[in-house]
Amino acid sequence: MFSQGCKQSKVDENFMRKGFTLVELLVVISTIGVLMAILLPSLQLARQQAKTVVCLSNLRQLGYAFQCYANDYDSYAMACYEPGTDTYWWGQKLSNGIDHEKGFVWPYLKSELGKNSVYECPTQKYGTYRLQGKPGSEPDSLKWLTSTYGYNGYYLSPPVNPWSNIRHRPWQRITTVIGPDKVIAFADTMLDWDYTGANPVLENNALVDPPYILSTNCMSWEKNLCPTTCFRHNDKANVVFVDGHCESMPLGQSQYTSPKAKIGSICKDQPPSGRQNYPHYVPDYQQWTKKRRQKR
């Protein structure tokens, strides 16, 4: 019994010697805290880069659908909008929600509209913005979800476009687009209804609008107070161009119209008005304005 008691006390003593003191424990905790502080920015950057890769993959699929549409329609770019049926490239607006299978892209990209779908940028999740397609009287619901990517229908398909004053412009064939490797087909988009940009009121917008828009009388270019290109990937916007290649594009020399939401345009802020649309939004901007008739 005495021998067993001695052995037990030695075991207890050895166990106590192997334990951490309070000082040692605090040192370990401090070391872990320092390592986390060092690693966290790298982990966040890696996570952001992963989202950028997913986003570019989504846009690449949209670009492929865009090319397939043109192949089926004598090289004409994808339609943007059909006023008579309230149908857009992403789907048709109905009284009870969005019918995505009526969208012009559907036959070539049979993916449903929804969270984590090919139509949603992973950096701009559902719930961080108002829903473009939802009537004001309806509560938020996934049935009204459209896309956080915008189509350059302003230039590519003006005859079928929500902007009524440009419907006289020709529908573009992708085989004759000026600088197809520079002209945007689809890009990251978001709309801020607060013109000051101080308190963003975000709404998704599935059109990528140019930095300058044609005046009502079609005689001049006017600054767009609400452009839609969104630079949400470390101050870059992901884009798929008419030729099918993808890039992450910086803001350029212009300024954010909505700094907090990182909304602006890929352009050089230089005169004359309209030149800012070149080459990414409206490359032939000079041909769009009508000259005022001379007085006799």
C-alpha atoms as a PDB file:
ATOM      1  CA  MET A   1       0.000   0.000   0.000  1.00  0.00           C
ATOM      2  CA  PHE A   2       2.753   2.416   0.928  1.00  0.00           C
ATOM      3  CA  SER A   3       4.606   1.592  -2.298  1.00  0.00           C
ATOM      4  CA  GLN A   4       1.472   2.207  -4.394  1.00  0.00           C
ATOM      5  CA  GLY A   5       0.876   5.508  -2.599  1.00  0.00           C
ATOM      6  CA  CYS A   6       4.414   6.669  -3.370  1.00  0.00           C
ATOM      7  CA  LYS A   7       4.020   5.745  -7.020  1.00  0.00           C
ATOM      8  CA  GLN A   8       0.710   7.628  -7.229  1.00  0.00           C
ATOM      9  CA  SER A   9       2.201  10.753  -5.658  1.00  0.00           C
ATOM     10  CA  LYS A  10       5.102  10.662  -8.162  1.00  0.00           C
ATOM     11  CA  VAL A  11       2.644  10.358 -11.045  1.00  0.00           C
ATOM     12  CA  ASP A  12       0.650  13.334  -9.720  1.00  0.00           C
ATOM     13  CA  GLU A  13       3.860  15.310  -9.252  1.00  0.00           C
ATOM     14  CA  ASN A  14       5.023  14.546 -12.813  1.00  0.00           C
ATOM     15  CA  PHE A  15       1.585  15.512 -14.174  1.00  0.00           C
ATOM     16  CA  MET A  16       1.686  18.812 -12.342  1.00  0.00           C
ATOM     17  CA  ARG A  17       5.178  19.539 -13.676  1.00  0.00           C
ATOM     18  CA  LYS A  18       3.955  19.005 -17.285  1.00  0.00           C
ATOM     19  CA  GLY A  19       1.127  21.578 -16.997  1.00  0.00           C
ATOM     20  CA  PHE A  20       1.262  25.216 -18.255  1.00  0.00           C
ATOM     21  CA  THR A  21       1.823  28.067 -15.909  1.00  0.00           C
ATOM     22  CA  LEU A  22      -0.392  31.145 -16.300  1.00  0.00           C
ATOM     23  CA  VAL A  23       2.498  33.101 -17.821  1.00  0.00           C
ATOM     24  CA  GLU A  24       3.174  30.390 -20.394  1.00  0.00           C
ATOM     25  CA  LEU A  25      -0.516  30.254 -21.301  1.00  0.00           C
ATOM     26  CA  LEU A  26      -0.643  34.009 -21.807  1.00  0.00           C
ATOM     27  CA  VAL A  27       2.466  33.839 -24.020  1.00  0.00           C
ATOM     28  CA  VAL A  28       0.832  31.142 -26.190  1.00  0.00           C
ATOM     29  CA  ILE A  29      -2.384  33.170 -26.508  1.00  0.00           C
ATOM     30  CA  SER A  30      -0.418  36.290 -27.417  1.00  0.00           C
ATOM     31  CA  THR A  31       1.570  34.373 -30.031  1.00  0.00           C
ATOM     32  CA  ILE A  32      -1.626  33.016 -31.615  1.00  0.00           C
ATOM     33  CA  GLY A  33      -3.072  36.540 -31.643  1.00  0.00           C
ATOM     34  CA  VAL A  34      -0.001  37.910 -33.424  1.00  0.00           C
ATOM     35  CA  LEU A  35      -0.081  35.088 -36.001  1.00  0.00           C
ATOM     36  CA  MET A  36      -3.784  35.704 -36.647  1.00  0.00           C
ATOM     37  CA  ALA A  37      -3.158  39.413 -37.125  1.00  0.00           C
ATOM     38  CA  ILE A  38      -0.433  38.581 -39.651  1.00  0.00           C
ATOM     39  CA  LEU A  39      -2.406  35.900 -41.497  1.00  0.00           C
ATOM     40  CA  LEU A  40      -5.898  37.472 -41.508  1.00  0.00           C
ATOM     41  CA  PRO A  41      -5.230  40.048 -44.275  1.00  0.00           C
ATOM     42  CA  SER A  42      -3.718  37.294 -46.418  1.00  0.00           C
ATOM     43  CA  LEU A  43      -6.725  35.055 -45.795  1.00  0.00           C
ATOM     44  CA  GLN A  44      -9.131  37.875 -46.641  1.00  0.00           C
ATOM     45  CA  LEU A  45      -7.192  38.635 -49.818  1.00  0.00           C
ATOM     46  CA  ALA A  46      -7.273  34.962 -50.805  1.00  0.00           C
ATOM     47  CA  ARG A  47     -11.015  34.891 -50.217  1.00  0.00           C
ATOM     48  CA  GLN A  48     -11.519  38.012 -52.344  1.00  0.00           C
ATOM     49  CA  GLN A  49      -9.378  36.562 -55.105  1.00  0.00           C
ATOM     50  CA  ALA A  50     -11.438  33.370 -55.042  1.00  0.00           C
ATOM     51  CA  LYS A  51     -14.621  35.422 -55.482  1.00  0.00           C
ATOM     52  CA  THR A  52     -13.000  37.290 -58.372  1.00  0.00           C
ATOM     53  CA  VAL A  53     -12.205  33.977 -60.092  1.00  0.00           C
ATOM     54  CA  VAL A  54     -15.807  32.767 -59.665  1.00  0.00           C
ATOM     55  CA  CYS A  55     -17.101  36.090 -60.980  1.00  0.00           C
ATOM     56  CA  LEU A  56     -14.884  35.901 -64.069  1.00  0.00           C
ATOM     57  CA  SER A  57     -16.110  32.353 -64.656  1.00  0.00           C
ATOM     58  CA  ASN A  58     -19.723  33.593 -64.556  1.00  0.00           C
ATOM     59  CA  LEU A  59     -18.962  36.347 -67.035  1.00  0.00           C
ATOM     60  CA  ARG A  60     -17.131  33.941 -69.315  1.00  0.00           C
ATOM     61  CA  GLN A  61     -20.306  31.821 -69.476  1.00  0.00           C
ATOM     62  CA  LEU A  62     -22.394  34.893 -70.267  1.00  0.00           C
ATOM     63  CA  GLY A  63     -19.906  35.800 -72.973  1.00  0.00           C
ATOM     64  CA  TYR A  64     -20.202  32.327 -74.461  1.00  0.00           C
ATOM     65  CA  ALA A  65     -24.018  32.632 -74.507  1.00  0.00           C
ATOM     66  CA  PHE A  66     -23.645  36.042 -76.157  1.00  0.00           C
ATOM     67  CA  GLN A  67     -21.509  34.517 -78.921  1.00  0.00           C
ATOM     68  CA  CYS A  68     -23.953  31.634 -79.424  1.00  0.00           C
ATOM     69  CA  TYR A  69     -26.879  34.043 -79.770  1.00  0.00           C
ATOM     70  CA  ALA A  70     -25.012  35.968 -82.480  1.00  0.00           C
ATOM     71  CA  ASN A  71     -24.232  32.727 -84.328  1.00  0.00           C
ATOM     72  CA  ASP A  72     -27.970  31.954 -84.492  1.00  0.00           C
ATOM     73  CA  TYR A  73     -29.082  35.470 -85.485  1.00  0.00           C
ATOM     74  CA  ASP A  74     -26.881  36.413 -88.427  1.00  0.00           C
ATOM     75  CA  SER A  75     -24.160  37.880 -86.161  1.00  0.00           C
ATOM     76  CA  TYR A  76     -26.543  40.361 -84.476  1.00  0.00           C
ATOM     77  CA  ALA A  77     -25.778  41.038 -80.815  1.00  0.00           C
ATOM     78  CA  MET A  78     -28.141  39.737 -78.183  1.00  0.00           C
ATOM     79  CA  ALA A  79     -31.364  41.684 -77.769  1.00  0.00           C
ATOM     80  CA  CYS A  80     -31.521  43.784 -74.638  1.00  0.00           C
ATOM     81  CA  TYR A  81     -35.230  44.485 -74.168  1.00  0.00           C
ATOM     82  CA  GLU A  82     -38.592  43.807 -75.798  1.00  0.00           C
ATOM     83  CA  PRO A  83     -40.948  46.650 -74.771  1.00  0.00           C
ATOM     84  CA  GLY A  84     -44.181  44.953 -75.812  1.00  0.00           C
ATOM     85  CA  THR A  85     -43.685  41.957 -73.506  1.00  0.00           C
ATOM     86  CA  ASP A  86     -41.484  43.539 -70.808  1.00  0.00           C
ATOM     87  CA  THR A  87     -38.807  40.971 -71.566  1.00  0.00           C
ATOM     88  CA  TYR A  88     -35.095  41.491 -70.922  1.00  0.00           C
ATOM     89  CA  TRP A  89     -31.983  39.463 -71.622  1.00  0.00           C
ATOM     90  CA  TRP A  90     -32.326  37.858 -68.182  1.00  0.00           C
ATOM     91  CA  GLY A  91     -36.065  37.085 -68.275  1.00  0.00           C
ATOM     92  CA  GLN A  92     -39.601  38.399 -68.456  1.00  0.00           C
ATOM     93  CA  LYS A  93     -41.269  40.459 -65.725  1.00  0.00           C
ATOM     94  CA  LEU A  94     -44.643  39.005 -64.771  1.00  0.00           C
ATOM     95  CA  SER A  95     -47.125  39.980 -62.069  1.00  0.00           C
ATOM     96  CA  ASN A  96     -46.032  37.048 -59.890  1.00  0.00           C
ATOM     97  CA  GLY A  97     -42.259  37.159 -60.440  1.00  0.00           C
ATOM     98  CA  ILE A  98     -39.556  36.745 -63.079  1.00  0.00           C
ATOM     99  CA  ASP A  99     -39.820  34.045 -65.733  1.00  0.00           C
ATOM    100  CA  HIS A 100     -36.136  33.537 -66.486  1.00  0.00           C
ATOM    101  CA  GLU A 101     -36.855  30.999 -69.235  1.00  0.00           C
ATOM    102  CA  LYS A 102     -38.270  33.801 -71.383  1.00  0.00           C
ATOM    103  CA  GLY A 103     -34.968  35.699 -71.269  1.00  0.00           C
ATOM    104  CA  PHE A 104     -32.926  35.974 -74.460  1.00  0.00           C
ATOM    105  CA  VAL A 105     -29.930  34.310 -72.816  1.00  0.00           C
ATOM    106  CA  TRP A 106     -31.866  31.254 -71.603  1.00  0.00           C
ATOM    107  CA  PRO A 107     -31.528  28.994 -74.686  1.00  0.00           C
ATOM    108  CA  TYR A 108     -27.737  29.308 -74.437  1.00  0.00           C
ATOM    109  CA  LEU A 109     -27.257  29.395 -70.662  1.00  0.00           C
ATOM    110  CA  LYS A 110     -29.920  27.318 -68.957  1.00  0.00           C
ATOM    111  CA  SER A 111     -29.208  28.403 -65.412  1.00  0.00           C
ATOM    112  CA  GLU A 112     -31.943  29.669 -63.099  1.00  0.00           C
ATOM    113  CA  LEU A 113     -31.856  33.134 -61.638  1.00  0.00           C
ATOM    114  CA  GLY A 114     -31.111  32.879 -57.923  1.00  0.00           C
ATOM    115  CA  LYS A 115     -28.609  33.058 -55.095  1.00  0.00           C
ATOM    116  CA  ASN A 116     -25.155  31.760 -56.033  1.00  0.00           C
ATOM    117  CA  SER A 117     -26.226  31.337 -59.661  1.00  0.00           C
ATOM    118  CA  VAL A 118     -24.196  32.281 -62.720  1.00  0.00           C
ATOM    119  CA  TYR A 119     -26.107  35.592 -62.760  1.00  0.00           C
ATOM    120  CA  GLU A 120     -24.914  36.663 -59.310  1.00  0.00           C
ATOM    121  CA  CYS A 121     -21.481  38.083 -58.521  1.00  0.00           C
ATOM    122  CA  PRO A 122     -20.311  36.347 -55.289  1.00  0.00           C
ATOM    123  CA  THR A 123     -19.050  39.695 -53.957  1.00  0.00           C
ATOM    124  CA  GLN A 124     -22.515  41.302 -54.265  1.00  0.00           C
ATOM    125  CA  LYS A 125     -24.806  38.909 -52.427  1.00  0.00           C
ATOM    126  CA  TYR A 126     -28.608  38.923 -52.437  1.00  0.00           C
ATOM    127  CA  GLY A 127     -29.813  41.149 -49.603  1.00  0.00           C
ATOM    128  CA  THR A 128     -27.187  43.880 -50.095  1.00  0.00           C
ATOM    129  CA  TYR A 129     -29.300  45.795 -52.630  1.00  0.00           C
ATOM    130  CA  ARG A 130     -32.866  46.519 -53.733  1.00  0.00           C
ATOM    131  CA  LEU A 131     -34.324  44.275 -56.423  1.00  0.00           C
ATOM    132  CA  GLN A 132     -34.549  45.860 -59.853  1.00  0.00           C
ATOM    133  CA  GLY A 133     -37.434  43.757 -61.111  1.00  0.00           C
ATOM    134  CA  LYS A 134     -39.621  43.909 -57.990  1.00  0.00           C
ATOM    135  CA  PRO A 135     -42.747  46.119 -57.908  1.00  0.00           C
ATOM    136  CA  GLY A 136     -42.733  48.579 -55.010  1.00  0.00           C
ATOM    137  CA  SER A 137     -45.794  46.937 -53.451  1.00  0.00           C
ATOM    138  CA  GLU A 138     -44.163  43.493 -53.268  1.00  0.00           C
ATOM    139  CA  PRO A 139     -41.950  42.232 -50.399  1.00  0.00           C
ATOM    140  CA  ASP A 140     -38.395  41.114 -51.135  1.00  0.00           C
ATOM    141  CA  SER A 141     -38.345  37.619 -52.530  1.00  0.00           C
ATOM    142  CA  LEU A 142     -36.030  35.446 -54.615  1.00  0.00           C
ATOM    143  CA  LYS A 143     -38.733  35.270 -57.291  1.00  0.00           C
ATOM    144  CA  TRP A 144     -37.819  38.878 -58.205  1.00  0.00           C
ATOM    145  CA  LEU A 145     -34.073  38.268 -58.420  1.00  0.00           C
ATOM    146  CA  THR A 146     -32.460  39.179 -61.753  1.00  0.00           C
ATOM    147  CA  SER A 147     -28.701  39.801 -62.110  1.00  0.00           C
ATOM    148  CA  THR A 148     -25.793  41.800 -60.732  1.00  0.00           C
ATOM    149  CA  TYR A 149     -24.176  41.765 -64.175  1.00  0.00           C
ATOM    150  CA  GLY A 150     -25.054  44.345 -66.802  1.00  0.00           C
ATOM    151  CA  TYR A 151     -25.332  43.995 -70.570  1.00  0.00           C
ATOM    152  CA  ASN A 152     -24.092  46.739 -72.894  1.00  0.00           C
ATOM    153  CA  GLY A 153     -27.397  46.959 -74.744  1.00  0.00           C
ATOM    154  CA  TYR A 154     -27.005  50.728 -74.994  1.00  0.00           C
ATOM    155  CA  TYR A 155     -24.504  50.255 -77.807  1.00  0.00           C
ATOM    156  CA  LEU A 156     -25.050  46.682 -78.972  1.00  0.00           C
ATOM    157  CA  SER A 157     -28.840  46.628 -79.437  1.00  0.00           C
ATOM    158  CA  PRO A 158     -30.260  50.191 -79.278  1.00  0.00           C
ATOM    159  CA  PRO A 159     -33.441  49.463 -81.308  1.00  0.00           C
ATOM    160  CA  VAL A 160     -34.547  47.109 -78.507  1.00  0.00           C
ATOM    161  CA  ASN A 161     -33.483  49.079 -75.452  1.00  0.00           C
ATOM    162  CA  PRO A 162     -35.204  50.811 -72.496  1.00  0.00           C
ATOM    163  CA  TRP A 163     -33.655  54.129 -73.658  1.00  0.00           C
ATOM    164  CA  SER A 164     -36.302  55.214 -76.174  1.00  0.00           C
ATOM    165  CA  ASN A 165     -34.308  58.136 -77.647  1.00  0.00           C
ATOM    166  CA  ILE A 166     -31.599  55.856 -79.078  1.00  0.00           C
ATOM    167  CA  ARG A 167     -33.817  53.317 -80.817  1.00  0.00           C
ATOM    168  CA  HIS A 168     -33.019  54.873 -84.187  1.00  0.00           C
ATOM    169  CA  ARG A 169     -29.420  53.678 -83.854  1.00  0.00           C
ATOM    170  CA  PRO A 170     -28.440  50.498 -85.742  1.00  0.00           C
ATOM    171  CA  TRP A 171     -28.424  47.079 -84.117  1.00  0.00           C
ATOM    172  CA  GLN A 172     -24.805  45.947 -83.999  1.00  0.00           C
ATOM    173  CA  ARG A 173     -23.392  42.840 -85.583  1.00  0.00           C
ATOM    174  CA  ILE A 174     -20.527  41.462 -83.511  1.00  0.00           C
ATOM    175  CA  THR A 175     -18.524  40.891 -86.682  1.00  0.00           C
ATOM    176  CA  THR A 176     -18.468  44.643 -87.435  1.00  0.00           C
ATOM    177  CA  VAL A 177     -18.111  46.063 -83.904  1.00  0.00           C
ATOM    178  CA  ILE A 178     -15.300  48.608 -83.687  1.00  0.00           C
ATOM    179  CA  GLY A 179     -12.604  47.142 -81.417  1.00  0.00           C
ATOM    180  CA  PRO A 180     -14.407  43.989 -80.177  1.00  0.00           C
ATOM    181  CA  ASP A 181     -11.553  43.324 -77.757  1.00  0.00           C
ATOM    182  CA  LYS A 182     -12.285  46.687 -76.078  1.00  0.00           C
ATOM    183  CA  VAL A 183     -16.097  46.918 -76.182  1.00  0.00           C
ATOM    184  CA  ILE A 184     -17.927  45.636 -73.096  1.00  0.00           C
ATOM    185  CA  ALA A 185     -20.513  42.888 -73.544  1.00  0.00           C
ATOM    186  CA  PHE A 186     -21.219  42.191 -69.841  1.00  0.00           C
ATOM    187  CA  ALA A 187     -19.704  43.661 -66.673  1.00  0.00           C
ATOM    188  CA  ASP A 188     -20.125  43.969 -62.897  1.00  0.00           C
ATOM    189  CA  THR A 189     -22.919  46.468 -62.309  1.00  0.00           C
ATOM    190  CA  MET A 190     -24.860  48.199 -59.535  1.00  0.00           C
ATOM    191  CA  LEU A 191     -26.935  51.384 -59.380  1.00  0.00           C
ATOM    192  CA  ASP A 192     -26.848  54.028 -56.635  1.00  0.00           C
ATOM    193  CA  TRP A 193     -29.978  56.196 -56.536  1.00  0.00           C
ATOM    194  CA  ASP A 194     -28.304  58.678 -54.190  1.00  0.00           C
ATOM    195  CA  TYR A 195     -26.779  61.113 -56.670  1.00  0.00           C
ATOM    196  CA  THR A 196     -24.400  62.464 -54.017  1.00  0.00           C
ATOM    197  CA  GLY A 197     -22.978  59.019 -53.244  1.00  0.00           C
ATOM    198  CA  ALA A 198     -22.921  59.925 -49.538  1.00  0.00           C
ATOM    199  CA  ASN A 199     -25.567  57.402 -48.445  1.00  0.00           C
ATOM    200  CA  PRO A 200     -25.799  54.734 -51.137  1.00  0.00           C
ATOM    201  CA  VAL A 201     -29.257  53.491 -52.099  1.00  0.00           C
ATOM    202  CA  LEU A 202     -28.243  50.418 -54.047  1.00  0.00           C
ATOM    203  CA  GLU A 203     -30.316  48.603 -56.627  1.00  0.00           C
ATOM    204  CA  ASN A 204     -29.119  45.980 -59.055  1.00  0.00           C
ATOM    205  CA  ASN A 205     -29.151  47.040 -62.692  1.00  0.00           C
ATOM    206  CA  ALA A 206     -28.699  44.469 -65.426  1.00  0.00           C
ATOM    207  CA  LEU A 207     -27.560  47.100 -67.936  1.00  0.00           C
ATOM    208  CA  VAL A 208     -24.077  48.571 -68.110  1.00  0.00           C
ATOM    209  CA  ASP A 209     -24.728  52.233 -68.899  1.00  0.00           C
ATOM    210  CA  PRO A 210     -22.050  54.514 -70.397  1.00  0.00           C
ATOM    211  CA  PRO A 211     -20.473  57.475 -68.574  1.00  0.00           C
ATOM    212  CA  TYR A 212     -22.170  59.859 -71.048  1.00  0.00           C
ATOM    213  CA  ILE A 213     -25.681  59.408 -72.472  1.00  0.00           C
ATOM    214  CA  LEU A 214     -27.216  60.880 -75.593  1.00  0.00           C
ATOM    215  CA  SER A 215     -29.380  63.957 -75.004  1.00  0.00           C
ATOM    216  CA  THR A 216     -33.129  63.778 -75.639  1.00  0.00           C
ATOM    217  CA  ASN A 217     -32.774  65.722 -78.892  1.00  0.00           C
ATOM    218  CA  CYS A 218     -29.816  63.524 -79.902  1.00  0.00           C
ATOM    219  CA  MET A 219     -27.597  66.553 -80.517  1.00  0.00           C
ATOM    220  CA  SER A 220     -25.102  66.183 -77.687  1.00  0.00           C
ATOM    221  CA  TRP A 221     -23.729  63.878 -75.023  1.00  0.00           C
ATOM    222  CA  GLU A 222     -24.645  64.525 -71.369  1.00  0.00           C
ATOM    223  CA  LYS A 223     -22.871  63.271 -68.261  1.00  0.00           C
ATOM    224  CA  ASN A 224     -24.596  60.221 -66.794  1.00  0.00           C
ATOM    225  CA  LEU A 225     -25.304  60.954 -63.119  1.00  0.00           C
ATOM    226  CA  CYS A 226     -25.932  57.274 -62.433  1.00  0.00           C
ATOM    227  CA  PRO A 227     -23.467  55.071 -64.342  1.00  0.00           C
ATOM    228  CA  THR A 228     -23.609  51.425 -63.372  1.00  0.00           C
ATOM    229  CA  THR A 229     -20.147  49.846 -63.708  1.00  0.00           C
ATOM    230  CA  CYS A 230     -19.198  48.528 -60.244  1.00  0.00           C
ATOM    231  CA  PHE A 231     -15.559  48.109 -59.180  1.00  0.00           C
ATOM    232  CA  ARG A 232     -16.221  45.707 -56.323  1.00  0.00           C
ATOM    233  CA  HIS A 233     -13.166  43.481 -56.787  1.00  0.00           C
ATOM    234  CA  ASN A 234     -10.363  45.420 -55.089  1.00  0.00           C
ATOM    235  CA  ASP A 235     -11.273  48.543 -57.070  1.00  0.00           C
ATOM    236  CA  LYS A 236     -11.642  46.618 -60.313  1.00  0.00           C
ATOM    237  CA  ALA A 237     -14.673  45.629 -62.373  1.00  0.00           C
ATOM    238  CA  ASN A 238     -14.803  42.248 -64.057  1.00  0.00           C
ATOM    239  CA  VAL A 239     -15.730  42.411 -67.734  1.00  0.00           C
ATOM    240  CA  VAL A 240     -16.308  40.072 -70.665  1.00  0.00           C
ATOM    241  CA  PHE A 241     -15.751  41.805 -73.985  1.00  0.00           C
ATOM    242  CA  VAL A 242     -17.461  41.305 -77.334  1.00  0.00           C
ATOM    243  CA  ASP A 243     -14.613  39.075 -78.554  1.00  0.00           C
ATOM    244  CA  GLY A 244     -15.219  36.740 -75.583  1.00  0.00           C
ATOM    245  CA  HIS A 245     -12.156  37.403 -73.411  1.00  0.00           C
ATOM    246  CA  CYS A 246     -12.430  38.499 -69.756  1.00  0.00           C
ATOM    247  CA  GLU A 247     -10.472  41.054 -67.748  1.00  0.00           C
ATOM    248  CA  SER A 248     -10.517  42.836 -64.395  1.00  0.00           C
ATOM    249  CA  MET A 249     -10.566  46.505 -65.336  1.00  0.00           C
ATOM    250  CA  PRO A 250      -9.520  49.497 -63.173  1.00  0.00           C
ATOM    251  CA  LEU A 251     -11.456  52.756 -62.913  1.00  0.00           C
ATOM    252  CA  GLY A 252      -9.081  54.610 -65.204  1.00  0.00           C
ATOM    253  CA  GLN A 253      -8.690  58.366 -64.954  1.00  0.00           C
ATOM    254  CA  SER A 254     -12.292  59.121 -64.005  1.00  0.00           C
ATOM    255  CA  GLN A 255     -13.782  59.482 -60.522  1.00  0.00           C
ATOM    256  CA  TYR A 256     -16.290  57.344 -58.650  1.00  0.00           C
ATOM    257  CA  THR A 257     -19.805  58.774 -58.814  1.00  0.00           C
ATOM    258  CA  SER A 258     -20.541  56.648 -55.751  1.00  0.00           C
ATOM    259  CA  PRO A 259     -17.280  56.185 -53.789  1.00  0.00           C
ATOM    260  CA  LYS A 260     -18.784  54.065 -51.002  1.00  0.00           C
ATOM    261  CA  ALA A 261     -20.392  51.660 -53.469  1.00  0.00           C
ATOM    262  CA  LYS A 262     -17.417  51.890 -55.877  1.00  0.00           C
ATOM    263  CA  ILE A 263     -19.568  52.750 -58.886  1.00  0.00           C
ATOM    264  CA  GLY A 264     -18.177  54.668 -61.848  1.00  0.00           C
ATOM    265  CA  SER A 265     -16.974  54.084 -65.404  1.00  0.00           C
ATOM    266  CA  ILE A 266     -13.961  52.628 -67.185  1.00  0.00           C
ATOM    267  CA  CYS A 267     -12.934  55.754 -69.024  1.00  0.00           C
ATOM    268  CA  LYS A 268     -10.608  58.697 -69.373  1.00  0.00           C
ATOM    269  CA  ASP A 269     -12.319  61.829 -68.108  1.00  0.00           C
ATOM    270  CA  GLN A 270     -11.356  64.027 -71.036  1.00  0.00           C
ATOM    271  CA  PRO A 271     -13.223  66.357 -73.412  1.00  0.00           C
ATOM    272  CA  PRO A 272     -15.143  66.560 -75.630  1.00  0.00           C
ATOM    273  CA  SER A 273     -18.354  65.201 -74.111  1.00  0.00           C
ATOM    274  CA  GLY A 274     -18.978  61.695 -75.359  1.00  0.00           C
ATOM    275  CA  ARG A 275     -15.346  60.772 -75.855  1.00  0.00           C
ATOM    276  CA  GLN A 276     -15.453  59.179 -72.394  1.00  0.00           C
ATOM    277  CA  ASN A 277     -17.590  56.420 -73.939  1.00  0.00           C
ATOM    278  CA  TYR A 278     -14.671  55.385 -76.157  1.00  0.00           C
ATOM    279  CA  PRO A 279     -13.534  52.621 -76.513  1.00  0.00           C
ATOM    280  CA  HIS A 280     -15.363  50.486 -73.939  1.00  0.00           C
ATOM    281  CA  TYR A 281     -18.995  51.598 -74.059  1.00  0.00           C
ATOM    282  CA  VAL A 282     -19.851  53.383 -77.337  1.00  0.00           C
ATOM    283  CA  PRO A 283     -16.805  53.338 -79.649  1.00  0.00           C
ATOM    284  CA  ASP A 284     -18.553  55.194 -82.503  1.00  0.00           C
ATOM    285  CA  TYR A 285     -19.931  57.955 -80.249  1.00  0.00           C
ATOM    286  CA  GLN A 286     -19.112  60.652 -82.837  1.00  0.00           C
ATOM    287  CA  GLN A 287     -21.682  59.215 -85.242  1.00  0.00           C
ATOM    288  CA  TRP A 288     -24.517  59.334 -82.719  1.00  0.00           C
ATOM    289  CA  THR A 289     -25.134  63.076 -82.502  1.00  0.00           C
ATOM    290  CA  LYS A 290     -27.247  64.916 -85.065  1.00  0.00           C
ATOM    291  CA  LYS A 291     -25.923  68.212 -86.337  1.00  0.00           C
ATOM    292  CA  ARG A 292     -28.182  71.179 -85.851  1.00  0.00           C
ATOM    293  CA  ARG A 293     -29.462  72.594 -89.134  1.00  0.00           C
ATOM    294  CA  GLN A 294     -28.006  75.873 -90.259  1.00  0.00           C
ATOM    295  CA  LYS A 295     -30.285  78.898 -90.465  1.00  0.00           C
ATOM    296  CA  ARG A 296     -30.804  80.296 -93.964  1.00  0.00           C
END
